[in-house]
Amino acid sequence: MATRIVVILVICILRFRLNSRLAVFNTWEKFQIVIPFVDAWIGLDDLETEGTFKWADGSVLDDNLKSRIFYPGEPNAVYPEEDCACQRCWSNYNKLCDGPCYLAKNYLCEKVI
């Protein structure tokens, strides 16, 4: 599971060079950027502590934002290892779901300036 995240991070770094990571959309305004993308991992997971989602920059997901950006009933960890956040992976609804990090999906990266 964590291996998939490492692979994605390597791809981000190779594509954008140093100072790259999975993209962080930690405000409602920034999250609007994600809406057009389908089937894509972003920089949000609960790998460290189940149920506590953290952004790739290390900040914890705010509960108010969590309720706005996740599909209703998500994150639910209904299957083992559902630790990564994915945009529109299992629905046409413009929100996030949690899923197993090892699944092959698109990914959104950002260059940190």
PDB file of N, CA and C in Angstrom:
ATOM      1  N   MET A   1       0.822  -1.191   0.000  1.00  0.00           N
ATOM      2  CA  MET A   1       0.000   0.000   0.000  1.00  0.00           C
ATOM      3  C   MET A   1       0.854   1.238   0.000  1.00  0.00           C
ATOM      4  N   ALA A   2       1.767   1.366   0.924  1.00  0.00           N
ATOM      5  CA  ALA A   2       2.646   2.534   0.965  1.00  0.00           C
ATOM      6  C   ALA A   2       3.564   2.554  -0.241  1.00  0.00           C
ATOM      7  N   THR A   3       3.850   1.388  -0.827  1.00  0.00           N
ATOM      8  CA  THR A   3       4.700   1.315  -2.013  1.00  0.00           C
ATOM      9  C   THR A   3       4.077   2.097  -3.158  1.00  0.00           C
ATOM     10  N   ARG A   4       2.780   2.012  -3.324  1.00  0.00           N
ATOM     11  CA  ARG A   4       2.089   2.740  -4.397  1.00  0.00           C
ATOM     12  C   ARG A   4       2.279   4.242  -4.219  1.00  0.00           C
ATOM     13  N   ILE A   5       2.183   4.731  -2.997  1.00  0.00           N
ATOM     14  CA  ILE A   5       2.376   6.155  -2.734  1.00  0.00           C
ATOM     15  C   ILE A   5       3.797   6.557  -3.089  1.00  0.00           C
ATOM     16  N   VAL A   6       4.765   5.751  -2.736  1.00  0.00           N
ATOM     17  CA  VAL A   6       6.161   6.051  -3.062  1.00  0.00           C
ATOM     18  C   VAL A   6       6.341   6.123  -4.567  1.00  0.00           C
ATOM     19  N   VAL A   7       5.758   5.189  -5.292  1.00  0.00           N
ATOM     20  CA  VAL A   7       5.861   5.190  -6.752  1.00  0.00           C
ATOM     21  C   VAL A   7       5.255   6.465  -7.326  1.00  0.00           C
ATOM     22  N   ILE A   8       4.089   6.851  -6.838  1.00  0.00           N
ATOM     23  CA  ILE A   8       3.442   8.072  -7.327  1.00  0.00           C
ATOM     24  C   ILE A   8       4.301   9.287  -7.014  1.00  0.00           C
ATOM     25  N   LEU A   9       4.876   9.342  -5.818  1.00  0.00           N
ATOM     26  CA  LEU A   9       5.730  10.472  -5.472  1.00  0.00           C
ATOM     27  C   LEU A   9       6.960  10.535  -6.367  1.00  0.00           C
ATOM     28  N   VAL A  10       7.529   9.392  -6.685  1.00  0.00           N
ATOM     29  CA  VAL A  10       8.678   9.357  -7.593  1.00  0.00           C
ATOM     30  C   VAL A  10       8.274   9.883  -8.960  1.00  0.00           C
ATOM     31  N   ILE A  11       7.094   9.479  -9.447  1.00  0.00           N
ATOM     32  CA  ILE A  11       6.614   9.976 -10.732  1.00  0.00           C
ATOM     33  C   ILE A  11       6.440  11.491 -10.680  1.00  0.00           C
ATOM     34  N   CYS A  12       5.870  12.011  -9.589  1.00  0.00           N
ATOM     35  CA  CYS A  12       5.715  13.463  -9.442  1.00  0.00           C
ATOM     36  C   CYS A  12       7.077  14.157  -9.504  1.00  0.00           C
ATOM     37  N   ILE A  13       8.043  13.615  -8.784  1.00  0.00           N
ATOM     38  CA  ILE A  13       9.374  14.228  -8.741  1.00  0.00           C
ATOM     39  C   ILE A  13      10.042  14.142 -10.104  1.00  0.00           C
ATOM     40  N   LEU A  14       9.950  13.012 -10.776  1.00  0.00           N
ATOM     41  CA  LEU A  14      10.562  12.886 -12.094  1.00  0.00           C
ATOM     42  C   LEU A  14       9.921  13.823 -13.106  1.00  0.00           C
ATOM     43  N   ARG A  15       8.627  13.981 -12.994  1.00  0.00           N
ATOM     44  CA  ARG A  15       7.928  14.827 -13.956  1.00  0.00           C
ATOM     45  C   ARG A  15       8.159  16.318 -13.690  1.00  0.00           C
ATOM     46  N   PHE A  16       8.155  16.703 -12.438  1.00  0.00           N
ATOM     47  CA  PHE A  16       8.250  18.118 -12.103  1.00  0.00           C
ATOM     48  C   PHE A  16       9.565  18.494 -11.438  1.00  0.00           C
ATOM     49  N   ARG A  17      10.457  17.533 -11.314  1.00  0.00           N
ATOM     50  CA  ARG A  17      11.769  17.706 -10.693  1.00  0.00           C
ATOM     51  C   ARG A  17      11.620  17.824  -9.178  1.00  0.00           C
ATOM     52  N   LEU A  18      12.597  18.443  -8.562  1.00  0.00           N
ATOM     53  CA  LEU A  18      12.595  18.539  -7.104  1.00  0.00           C
ATOM     54  C   LEU A  18      11.442  19.393  -6.592  1.00  0.00           C
ATOM     55  N   ASN A  19      11.160  19.246  -5.310  1.00  0.00           N
ATOM     56  CA  ASN A  19      10.098  20.015  -4.645  1.00  0.00           C
ATOM     57  C   ASN A  19       8.719  19.732  -5.203  1.00  0.00           C
ATOM     58  N   SER A  20       8.459  18.496  -5.556  1.00  0.00           N
ATOM     59  CA  SER A  20       7.146  18.095  -6.046  1.00  0.00           C
ATOM     60  C   SER A  20       6.498  17.128  -5.066  1.00  0.00           C
ATOM     61  N   ARG A  21       5.186  17.100  -5.092  1.00  0.00           N
ATOM     62  CA  ARG A  21       4.433  16.192  -4.215  1.00  0.00           C
ATOM     63  C   ARG A  21       3.046  16.002  -4.812  1.00  0.00           C
ATOM     64  N   LEU A  22       2.321  15.042  -4.256  1.00  0.00           N
ATOM     65  CA  LEU A  22       0.916  14.941  -4.616  1.00  0.00           C
ATOM     66  C   LEU A  22       0.235  16.235  -4.197  1.00  0.00           C
ATOM     67  N   ALA A  23      -0.693  16.708  -4.994  1.00  0.00           N
ATOM     68  CA  ALA A  23      -1.278  18.034  -4.811  1.00  0.00           C
ATOM     69  C   ALA A  23      -2.106  18.161  -3.528  1.00  0.00           C
ATOM     70  N   VAL A  24      -1.987  19.326  -2.903  1.00  0.00           N
ATOM     71  CA  VAL A  24      -2.693  19.677  -1.668  1.00  0.00           C
ATOM     72  C   VAL A  24      -3.767  20.708  -2.011  1.00  0.00           C
ATOM     73  N   PHE A  25      -5.006  20.402  -1.673  1.00  0.00           N
ATOM     74  CA  PHE A  25      -6.142  21.298  -1.906  1.00  0.00           C
ATOM     75  C   PHE A  25      -6.823  21.533  -0.569  1.00  0.00           C
ATOM     76  N   ASN A  26      -6.147  22.246   0.347  1.00  0.00           N
ATOM     77  CA  ASN A  26      -6.590  22.335   1.738  1.00  0.00           C
ATOM     78  C   ASN A  26      -7.519  23.496   2.045  1.00  0.00           C
ATOM     79  N   THR A  27      -8.119  24.087   1.035  1.00  0.00           N
ATOM     80  CA  THR A  27      -9.186  25.074   1.232  1.00  0.00           C
ATOM     81  C   THR A  27     -10.296  24.757   0.231  1.00  0.00           C
ATOM     82  N   TRP A  28     -11.500  25.223   0.509  1.00  0.00           N
ATOM     83  CA  TRP A  28     -12.618  24.998  -0.393  1.00  0.00           C
ATOM     84  C   TRP A  28     -12.333  25.626  -1.757  1.00  0.00           C
ATOM     85  N   GLU A  29     -11.710  26.791  -1.768  1.00  0.00           N
ATOM     86  CA  GLU A  29     -11.392  27.472  -3.020  1.00  0.00           C
ATOM     87  C   GLU A  29     -10.407  26.648  -3.853  1.00  0.00           C
ATOM     88  N   LYS A  30      -9.384  26.124  -3.208  1.00  0.00           N
ATOM     89  CA  LYS A  30      -8.411  25.298  -3.930  1.00  0.00           C
ATOM     90  C   LYS A  30      -9.050  23.999  -4.404  1.00  0.00           C
ATOM     91  N   PHE A  31      -9.967  23.446  -3.618  1.00  0.00           N
ATOM     92  CA  PHE A  31     -10.617  22.195  -3.995  1.00  0.00           C
ATOM     93  C   PHE A  31     -11.398  22.346  -5.298  1.00  0.00           C
ATOM     94  N   GLN A  32     -11.872  23.523  -5.605  1.00  0.00           N
ATOM     95  CA  GLN A  32     -12.606  23.753  -6.851  1.00  0.00           C
ATOM     96  C   GLN A  32     -11.754  23.407  -8.071  1.00  0.00           C
ATOM     97  N   ILE A  33     -10.435  23.480  -7.931  1.00  0.00           N
ATOM     98  CA  ILE A  33      -9.517  23.135  -9.019  1.00  0.00           C
ATOM     99  C   ILE A  33      -9.624  21.647  -9.353  1.00  0.00           C
ATOM    100  N   VAL A  34      -9.878  20.812  -8.348  1.00  0.00           N
ATOM    101  CA  VAL A  34      -9.899  19.354  -8.499  1.00  0.00           C
ATOM    102  C   VAL A  34     -11.149  18.868  -9.216  1.00  0.00           C
ATOM    103  N   ILE A  35     -12.229  19.586  -9.126  1.00  0.00           N
ATOM    104  CA  ILE A  35     -13.544  19.102  -9.573  1.00  0.00           C
ATOM    105  C   ILE A  35     -13.552  18.543 -11.001  1.00  0.00           C
ATOM    106  N   PRO A  36     -12.890  19.159 -11.977  1.00  0.00           N
ATOM    107  CA  PRO A  36     -12.951  18.587 -13.332  1.00  0.00           C
ATOM    108  C   PRO A  36     -12.211  17.254 -13.495  1.00  0.00           C
ATOM    109  N   PHE A  37     -11.297  16.940 -12.600  1.00  0.00           N
ATOM    110  CA  PHE A  37     -10.497  15.725 -12.741  1.00  0.00           C
ATOM    111  C   PHE A  37     -11.274  14.492 -12.308  1.00  0.00           C
ATOM    112  N   VAL A  38     -11.035  13.400 -13.016  1.00  0.00           N
ATOM    113  CA  VAL A  38     -11.716  12.142 -12.736  1.00  0.00           C
ATOM    114  C   VAL A  38     -10.686  11.060 -12.476  1.00  0.00           C
ATOM    115  N   ASP A  39     -10.986  10.223 -11.461  1.00  0.00           N
ATOM    116  CA  ASP A  39     -10.165   9.048 -11.201  1.00  0.00           C
ATOM    117  C   ASP A  39      -8.708   9.422 -10.902  1.00  0.00           C
ATOM    118  N   ALA A  40      -8.512  10.354  -9.971  1.00  0.00           N
ATOM    119  CA  ALA A  40      -7.162  10.857  -9.697  1.00  0.00           C
ATOM    120  C   ALA A  40      -6.866  10.913  -8.195  1.00  0.00           C
ATOM    121  N   TRP A  41      -5.684  10.414  -7.829  1.00  0.00           N
ATOM    122  CA  TRP A  41      -5.207  10.540  -6.448  1.00  0.00           C
ATOM    123  C   TRP A  41      -4.749  11.959  -6.192  1.00  0.00           C
ATOM    124  N   ILE A  42      -4.979  12.440  -4.985  1.00  0.00           N
ATOM    125  CA  ILE A  42      -4.444  13.733  -4.556  1.00  0.00           C
ATOM    126  C   ILE A  42      -3.620  13.491  -3.289  1.00  0.00           C
ATOM    127  N   GLY A  43      -3.012  14.526  -2.773  1.00  0.00           N
ATOM    128  CA  GLY A  43      -2.125  14.389  -1.611  1.00  0.00           C
ATOM    129  C   GLY A  43      -2.863  14.395  -0.283  1.00  0.00           C
ATOM    130  N   LEU A  44      -3.730  13.431  -0.079  1.00  0.00           N
ATOM    131  CA  LEU A  44      -4.501  13.332   1.162  1.00  0.00           C
ATOM    132  C   LEU A  44      -4.656  11.863   1.525  1.00  0.00           C
ATOM    133  N   ASP A  45      -4.263  11.490   2.753  1.00  0.00           N
ATOM    134  CA  ASP A  45      -4.368  10.091   3.175  1.00  0.00           C
ATOM    135  C   ASP A  45      -4.443   9.986   4.698  1.00  0.00           C
ATOM    136  N   ASP A  46      -4.815   8.786   5.160  1.00  0.00           N
ATOM    137  CA  ASP A  46      -4.807   8.510   6.596  1.00  0.00           C
ATOM    138  C   ASP A  46      -3.898   7.301   6.883  1.00  0.00           C
ATOM    139  N   LEU A  47      -2.783   7.230   6.163  1.00  0.00           N
ATOM    140  CA  LEU A  47      -1.816   6.141   6.330  1.00  0.00           C
ATOM    141  C   LEU A  47      -1.206   6.114   7.723  1.00  0.00           C
ATOM    142  N   GLU A  48      -0.953   7.284   8.292  1.00  0.00           N
ATOM    143  CA  GLU A  48      -0.296   7.362   9.599  1.00  0.00           C
ATOM    144  C   GLU A  48      -1.225   6.921  10.726  1.00  0.00           C
ATOM    145  N   THR A  49      -2.441   7.466  10.749  1.00  0.00           N
ATOM    146  CA  THR A  49      -3.432   7.137  11.775  1.00  0.00           C
ATOM    147  C   THR A  49      -4.787   6.985  11.103  1.00  0.00           C
ATOM    148  N   GLU A  50      -5.375   5.797  11.191  1.00  0.00           N
ATOM    149  CA  GLU A  50      -6.669   5.538  10.564  1.00  0.00           C
ATOM    150  C   GLU A  50      -7.705   6.558  11.045  1.00  0.00           C
ATOM    151  N   GLY A  51      -8.366   7.206  10.078  1.00  0.00           N
ATOM    152  CA  GLY A  51      -9.407   8.173  10.395  1.00  0.00           C
ATOM    153  C   GLY A  51      -8.917   9.612  10.494  1.00  0.00           C
ATOM    154  N   THR A  52      -7.617   9.824  10.570  1.00  0.00           N
ATOM    155  CA  THR A  52      -7.050  11.178  10.613  1.00  0.00           C
ATOM    156  C   THR A  52      -6.368  11.442   9.283  1.00  0.00           C
ATOM    157  N   PHE A  53      -7.045  12.169   8.426  1.00  0.00           N
ATOM    158  CA  PHE A  53      -6.499  12.453   7.103  1.00  0.00           C
ATOM    159  C   PHE A  53      -5.543  13.632   7.165  1.00  0.00           C
ATOM    160  N   LYS A  54      -4.385  13.443   6.524  1.00  0.00           N
ATOM    161  CA  LYS A  54      -3.368  14.485   6.455  1.00  0.00           C
ATOM    162  C   LYS A  54      -3.035  14.769   4.996  1.00  0.00           C
ATOM    163  N   TRP A  55      -2.751  16.034   4.743  1.00  0.00           N
ATOM    164  CA  TRP A  55      -2.321  16.469   3.418  1.00  0.00           C
ATOM    165  C   TRP A  55      -0.844  16.147   3.235  1.00  0.00           C
ATOM    166  N   ALA A  56      -0.397  16.149   1.997  1.00  0.00           N
ATOM    167  CA  ALA A  56       0.999  15.849   1.674  1.00  0.00           C
ATOM    168  C   ALA A  56       1.966  16.851   2.296  1.00  0.00           C
ATOM    169  N   ASP A  57       1.471  18.020   2.708  1.00  0.00           N
ATOM    170  CA  ASP A  57       2.334  19.005   3.384  1.00  0.00           C
ATOM    171  C   ASP A  57       2.399  18.769   4.892  1.00  0.00           C
ATOM    172  N   GLY A  58       1.714  17.727   5.386  1.00  0.00           N
ATOM    173  CA  GLY A  58       1.737  17.376   6.804  1.00  0.00           C
ATOM    174  C   GLY A  58       0.603  17.954   7.621  1.00  0.00           C
ATOM    175  N   SER A  59      -0.188  18.860   7.063  1.00  0.00           N
ATOM    176  CA  SER A  59      -1.292  19.455   7.813  1.00  0.00           C
ATOM    177  C   SER A  59      -2.479  18.492   7.870  1.00  0.00           C
ATOM    178  N   VAL A  60      -3.238  18.568   8.959  1.00  0.00           N
ATOM    179  CA  VAL A  60      -4.395  17.691   9.176  1.00  0.00           C
ATOM    180  C   VAL A  60      -5.618  18.292   8.480  1.00  0.00           C
ATOM    181  N   LEU A  61      -6.412  17.440   7.875  1.00  0.00           N
ATOM    182  CA  LEU A  61      -7.648  17.871   7.216  1.00  0.00           C
ATOM    183  C   LEU A  61      -8.628  18.413   8.242  1.00  0.00           C
ATOM    184  N   ASP A  62      -9.085  19.620   8.035  1.00  0.00           N
ATOM    185  CA  ASP A  62     -10.064  20.286   8.887  1.00  0.00           C
ATOM    186  C   ASP A  62     -11.416  19.571   8.755  1.00  0.00           C
ATOM    187  N   ASP A  63     -12.102  19.324   9.885  1.00  0.00           N
ATOM    188  CA  ASP A  63     -13.385  18.603   9.871  1.00  0.00           C
ATOM    189  C   ASP A  63     -14.439  19.293   9.020  1.00  0.00           C
ATOM    190  N   ASN A  64     -14.473  20.619   9.041  1.00  0.00           N
ATOM    191  CA  ASN A  64     -15.446  21.359   8.241  1.00  0.00           C
ATOM    192  C   ASN A  64     -15.185  21.139   6.748  1.00  0.00           C
ATOM    193  N   LEU A  65     -13.930  21.224   6.350  1.00  0.00           N
ATOM    194  CA  LEU A  65     -13.588  20.995   4.946  1.00  0.00           C
ATOM    195  C   LEU A  65     -13.843  19.534   4.571  1.00  0.00           C
ATOM    196  N   LYS A  66     -13.544  18.619   5.472  1.00  0.00           N
ATOM    197  CA  LYS A  66     -13.754  17.188   5.233  1.00  0.00           C
ATOM    198  C   LYS A  66     -15.204  16.921   4.838  1.00  0.00           C
ATOM    199  N   SER A  67     -16.137  17.536   5.540  1.00  0.00           N
ATOM    200  CA  SER A  67     -17.557  17.306   5.254  1.00  0.00           C
ATOM    201  C   SER A  67     -17.965  17.907   3.904  1.00  0.00           C
ATOM    202  N   ARG A  68     -17.211  18.856   3.411  1.00  0.00           N
ATOM    203  CA  ARG A  68     -17.538  19.499   2.138  1.00  0.00           C
ATOM    204  C   ARG A  68     -16.903  18.805   0.934  1.00  0.00           C
ATOM    205  N   ILE A  69     -15.730  18.185   1.121  1.00  0.00           N
ATOM    206  CA  ILE A  69     -15.008  17.657  -0.036  1.00  0.00           C
ATOM    207  C   ILE A  69     -15.183  16.155  -0.260  1.00  0.00           C
ATOM    208  N   PHE A  70     -15.633  15.419   0.758  1.00  0.00           N
ATOM    209  CA  PHE A  70     -15.856  13.985   0.587  1.00  0.00           C
ATOM    210  C   PHE A  70     -17.299  13.711   0.193  1.00  0.00           C
ATOM    211  N   TYR A  71     -17.493  12.710  -0.654  1.00  0.00           N
ATOM    212  CA  TYR A  71     -18.807  12.226  -1.024  1.00  0.00           C
ATOM    213  C   TYR A  71     -19.534  11.815   0.258  1.00  0.00           C
ATOM    214  N   PRO A  72     -20.860  12.035   0.373  1.00  0.00           N
ATOM    215  CA  PRO A  72     -21.581  11.638   1.579  1.00  0.00           C
ATOM    216  C   PRO A  72     -21.334  10.168   1.938  1.00  0.00           C
ATOM    217  N   GLY A  73     -21.013   9.918   3.192  1.00  0.00           N
ATOM    218  CA  GLY A  73     -20.705   8.574   3.656  1.00  0.00           C
ATOM    219  C   GLY A  73     -19.235   8.202   3.541  1.00  0.00           C
ATOM    220  N   GLU A  74     -18.448   9.063   2.927  1.00  0.00           N
ATOM    221  CA  GLU A  74     -17.001   8.870   2.782  1.00  0.00           C
ATOM    222  C   GLU A  74     -16.273   9.837   3.715  1.00  0.00           C
ATOM    223  N   PRO A  75     -15.082   9.565   4.104  1.00  0.00           N
ATOM    224  CA  PRO A  75     -14.380   8.311   3.927  1.00  0.00           C
ATOM    225  C   PRO A  75     -14.996   7.242   4.821  1.00  0.00           C
ATOM    226  N   ASN A  76     -14.996   6.009   4.323  1.00  0.00           N
ATOM    227  CA  ASN A  76     -15.666   4.962   5.096  1.00  0.00           C
ATOM    228  C   ASN A  76     -14.797   3.730   5.371  1.00  0.00           C
ATOM    229  N   ALA A  77     -13.639   3.634   4.724  1.00  0.00           N
ATOM    230  CA  ALA A  77     -12.741   2.493   4.927  1.00  0.00           C
ATOM    231  C   ALA A  77     -13.511   1.171   4.883  1.00  0.00           C
ATOM    232  N   VAL A  78     -14.448   1.072   3.943  1.00  0.00           N
ATOM    233  CA  VAL A  78     -15.275  -0.128   3.843  1.00  0.00           C
ATOM    234  C   VAL A  78     -14.448  -1.350   3.431  1.00  0.00           C
ATOM    235  N   TYR A  79     -13.392  -1.137   2.683  1.00  0.00           N
ATOM    236  CA  TYR A  79     -12.470  -2.215   2.321  1.00  0.00           C
ATOM    237  C   TYR A  79     -11.148  -1.995   3.044  1.00  0.00           C
ATOM    238  N   PRO A  80     -10.413  -3.051   3.314  1.00  0.00           N
ATOM    239  CA  PRO A  80      -9.111  -2.893   3.974  1.00  0.00           C
ATOM    240  C   PRO A  80      -8.189  -1.991   3.145  1.00  0.00           C
ATOM    241  N   GLU A  81      -7.411  -1.238   3.830  1.00  0.00           N
ATOM    242  CA  GLU A  81      -6.394  -0.375   3.218  1.00  0.00           C
ATOM    243  C   GLU A  81      -6.967   0.781   2.414  1.00  0.00           C
ATOM    244  N   GLU A  82      -8.171   1.225   2.686  1.00  0.00           N
ATOM    245  CA  GLU A  82      -8.696   2.429   2.034  1.00  0.00           C
ATOM    246  C   GLU A  82      -8.125   3.629   2.771  1.00  0.00           C
ATOM    247  N   ASP A  83      -6.938   4.029   2.384  1.00  0.00           N
ATOM    248  CA  ASP A  83      -6.216   5.078   3.110  1.00  0.00           C
ATOM    249  C   ASP A  83      -5.909   6.315   2.277  1.00  0.00           C
ATOM    250  N   CYS A  84      -6.212   6.296   0.996  1.00  0.00           N
ATOM    251  CA  CYS A  84      -5.868   7.429   0.139  1.00  0.00           C
ATOM    252  C   CYS A  84      -7.127   8.065  -0.439  1.00  0.00           C
ATOM    253  N   ALA A  85      -7.071   9.370  -0.651  1.00  0.00           N
ATOM    254  CA  ALA A  85      -8.220  10.109  -1.182  1.00  0.00           C
ATOM    255  C   ALA A  85      -8.111  10.216  -2.704  1.00  0.00           C
ATOM    256  N   CYS A  86      -9.229   9.955  -3.351  1.00  0.00           N
ATOM    257  CA  CYS A  86      -9.284   9.958  -4.805  1.00  0.00           C
ATOM    258  C   CYS A  86     -10.473  10.804  -5.266  1.00  0.00           C
ATOM    259  N   GLN A  87     -10.243  11.626  -6.267  1.00  0.00           N
ATOM    260  CA  GLN A  87     -11.289  12.479  -6.818  1.00  0.00           C
ATOM    261  C   GLN A  87     -12.114  11.712  -7.839  1.00  0.00           C
ATOM    262  N   ARG A  88     -13.406  11.623  -7.604  1.00  0.00           N
ATOM    263  CA  ARG A  88     -14.383  11.025  -8.524  1.00  0.00           C
ATOM    264  C   ARG A  88     -13.974   9.638  -8.992  1.00  0.00           C
ATOM    265  N   CYS A  89     -13.536   8.794  -8.096  1.00  0.00           N
ATOM    266  CA  CYS A  89     -13.068   7.459  -8.486  1.00  0.00           C
ATOM    267  C   CYS A  89     -14.177   6.440  -8.652  1.00  0.00           C
ATOM    268  N   TRP A  90     -15.239   6.554  -7.909  1.00  0.00           N
ATOM    269  CA  TRP A  90     -16.289   5.544  -7.970  1.00  0.00           C
ATOM    270  C   TRP A  90     -17.663   6.150  -8.185  1.00  0.00           C
ATOM    271  N   SER A  91     -17.718   7.407  -8.570  1.00  0.00           N
ATOM    272  CA  SER A  91     -19.005   8.054  -8.813  1.00  0.00           C
ATOM    273  C   SER A  91     -18.789   9.252  -9.716  1.00  0.00           C
ATOM    274  N   ASN A  92     -19.862   9.800 -10.202  1.00  0.00           N
ATOM    275  CA  ASN A  92     -19.774  11.016 -11.006  1.00  0.00           C
ATOM    276  C   ASN A  92     -19.943  12.266 -10.153  1.00  0.00           C
ATOM    277  N   TYR A  93     -20.069  12.054  -8.856  1.00  0.00           N
ATOM    278  CA  TYR A  93     -20.240  13.157  -7.929  1.00  0.00           C
ATOM    279  C   TYR A  93     -18.903  13.877  -7.774  1.00  0.00           C
ATOM    280  N   ASN A  94     -18.889  15.177  -7.756  1.00  0.00           N
ATOM    281  CA  ASN A  94     -17.659  15.970  -7.742  1.00  0.00           C
ATOM    282  C   ASN A  94     -16.995  16.042  -6.378  1.00  0.00           C
ATOM    283  N   LYS A  95     -16.803  14.904  -5.746  1.00  0.00           N
ATOM    284  CA  LYS A  95     -16.202  14.881  -4.419  1.00  0.00           C
ATOM    285  C   LYS A  95     -15.252  13.707  -4.287  1.00  0.00           C
ATOM    286  N   LEU A  96     -14.623  13.622  -3.127  1.00  0.00           N
ATOM    287  CA  LEU A  96     -13.618  12.594  -2.875  1.00  0.00           C
ATOM    288  C   LEU A  96     -14.208  11.321  -2.285  1.00  0.00           C
ATOM    289  N   CYS A  97     -13.510  10.219  -2.528  1.00  0.00           N
ATOM    290  CA  CYS A  97     -13.758   8.940  -1.875  1.00  0.00           C
ATOM    291  C   CYS A  97     -12.415   8.456  -1.340  1.00  0.00           C
ATOM    292  N   ASP A  98     -12.465   7.552  -0.368  1.00  0.00           N
ATOM    293  CA  ASP A  98     -11.219   6.915   0.049  1.00  0.00           C
ATOM    294  C   ASP A  98     -11.110   5.583  -0.673  1.00  0.00           C
ATOM    295  N   GLY A  99      -9.875   5.190  -0.952  1.00  0.00           N
ATOM    296  CA  GLY A  99      -9.657   3.947  -1.661  1.00  0.00           C
ATOM    297  C   GLY A  99      -8.299   3.367  -1.337  1.00  0.00           C
ATOM    298  N   PRO A 100      -8.079   2.111  -1.722  1.00  0.00           N
ATOM    299  CA  PRO A 100      -6.775   1.480  -1.499  1.00  0.00           C
ATOM    300  C   PRO A 100      -5.695   2.181  -2.320  1.00  0.00           C
ATOM    301  N   CYS A 101      -4.631   2.577  -1.678  1.00  0.00           N
ATOM    302  CA  CYS A 101      -3.562   3.355  -2.310  1.00  0.00           C
ATOM    303  C   CYS A 101      -2.879   2.628  -3.452  1.00  0.00           C
ATOM    304  N   TYR A 102      -2.962   1.307  -3.493  1.00  0.00           N
ATOM    305  CA  TYR A 102      -2.247   0.539  -4.506  1.00  0.00           C
ATOM    306  C   TYR A 102      -2.952   0.502  -5.858  1.00  0.00           C
ATOM    307  N   LEU A 103      -4.185   0.975  -5.936  1.00  0.00           N
ATOM    308  CA  LEU A 103      -4.902   0.937  -7.207  1.00  0.00           C
ATOM    309  C   LEU A 103      -4.281   1.891  -8.221  1.00  0.00           C
ATOM    310  N   ALA A 104      -4.202   1.457  -9.461  1.00  0.00           N
ATOM    311  CA  ALA A 104      -3.653   2.289 -10.534  1.00  0.00           C
ATOM    312  C   ALA A 104      -4.678   3.353 -10.910  1.00  0.00           C
ATOM    313  N   LYS A 105      -4.321   4.589 -10.689  1.00  0.00           N
ATOM    314  CA  LYS A 105      -5.191   5.730 -10.992  1.00  0.00           C
ATOM    315  C   LYS A 105      -4.320   6.859 -11.535  1.00  0.00           C
ATOM    316  N   ASN A 106      -4.953   7.897 -12.032  1.00  0.00           N
ATOM    317  CA  ASN A 106      -4.230   9.114 -12.373  1.00  0.00           C
ATOM    318  C   ASN A 106      -3.777   9.767 -11.073  1.00  0.00           C
ATOM    319  N   TYR A 107      -2.975  10.790 -11.154  1.00  0.00           N
ATOM    320  CA  TYR A 107      -2.514  11.486  -9.953  1.00  0.00           C
ATOM    321  C   TYR A 107      -2.338  12.956 -10.275  1.00  0.00           C
ATOM    322  N   LEU A 108      -2.578  13.786  -9.286  1.00  0.00           N
ATOM    323  CA  LEU A 108      -2.396  15.224  -9.428  1.00  0.00           C
ATOM    324  C   LEU A 108      -1.196  15.633  -8.576  1.00  0.00           C
ATOM    325  N   CYS A 109      -0.219  16.226  -9.219  1.00  0.00           N
ATOM    326  CA  CYS A 109       0.992  16.664  -8.533  1.00  0.00           C
ATOM    327  C   CYS A 109       1.058  18.184  -8.520  1.00  0.00           C
ATOM    328  N   GLU A 110       1.882  18.703  -7.644  1.00  0.00           N
ATOM    329  CA  GLU A 110       2.146  20.145  -7.625  1.00  0.00           C
ATOM    330  C   GLU A 110       3.611  20.362  -7.323  1.00  0.00           C
ATOM    331  N   LYS A 111       4.128  21.456  -7.837  1.00  0.00           N
ATOM    332  CA  LYS A 111       5.497  21.839  -7.555  1.00  0.00           C
ATOM    333  C   LYS A 111       5.451  22.849  -6.424  1.00  0.00           C
ATOM    334  N   VAL A 112       6.191  22.582  -5.376  1.00  0.00           N
ATOM    335  CA  VAL A 112       6.237  23.463  -4.217  1.00  0.00           C
ATOM    336  C   VAL A 112       7.261  24.563  -4.480  1.00  0.00           C
ATOM    337  N   ILE A 113       6.811  25.790  -4.372  1.00  0.00           N
ATOM    338  CA  ILE A 113       7.705  26.933  -4.647  1.00  0.00           C
ATOM    339  C   ILE A 113       8.082  27.611  -3.358  1.00  0.00           C
TER     340      ILE A 113
END
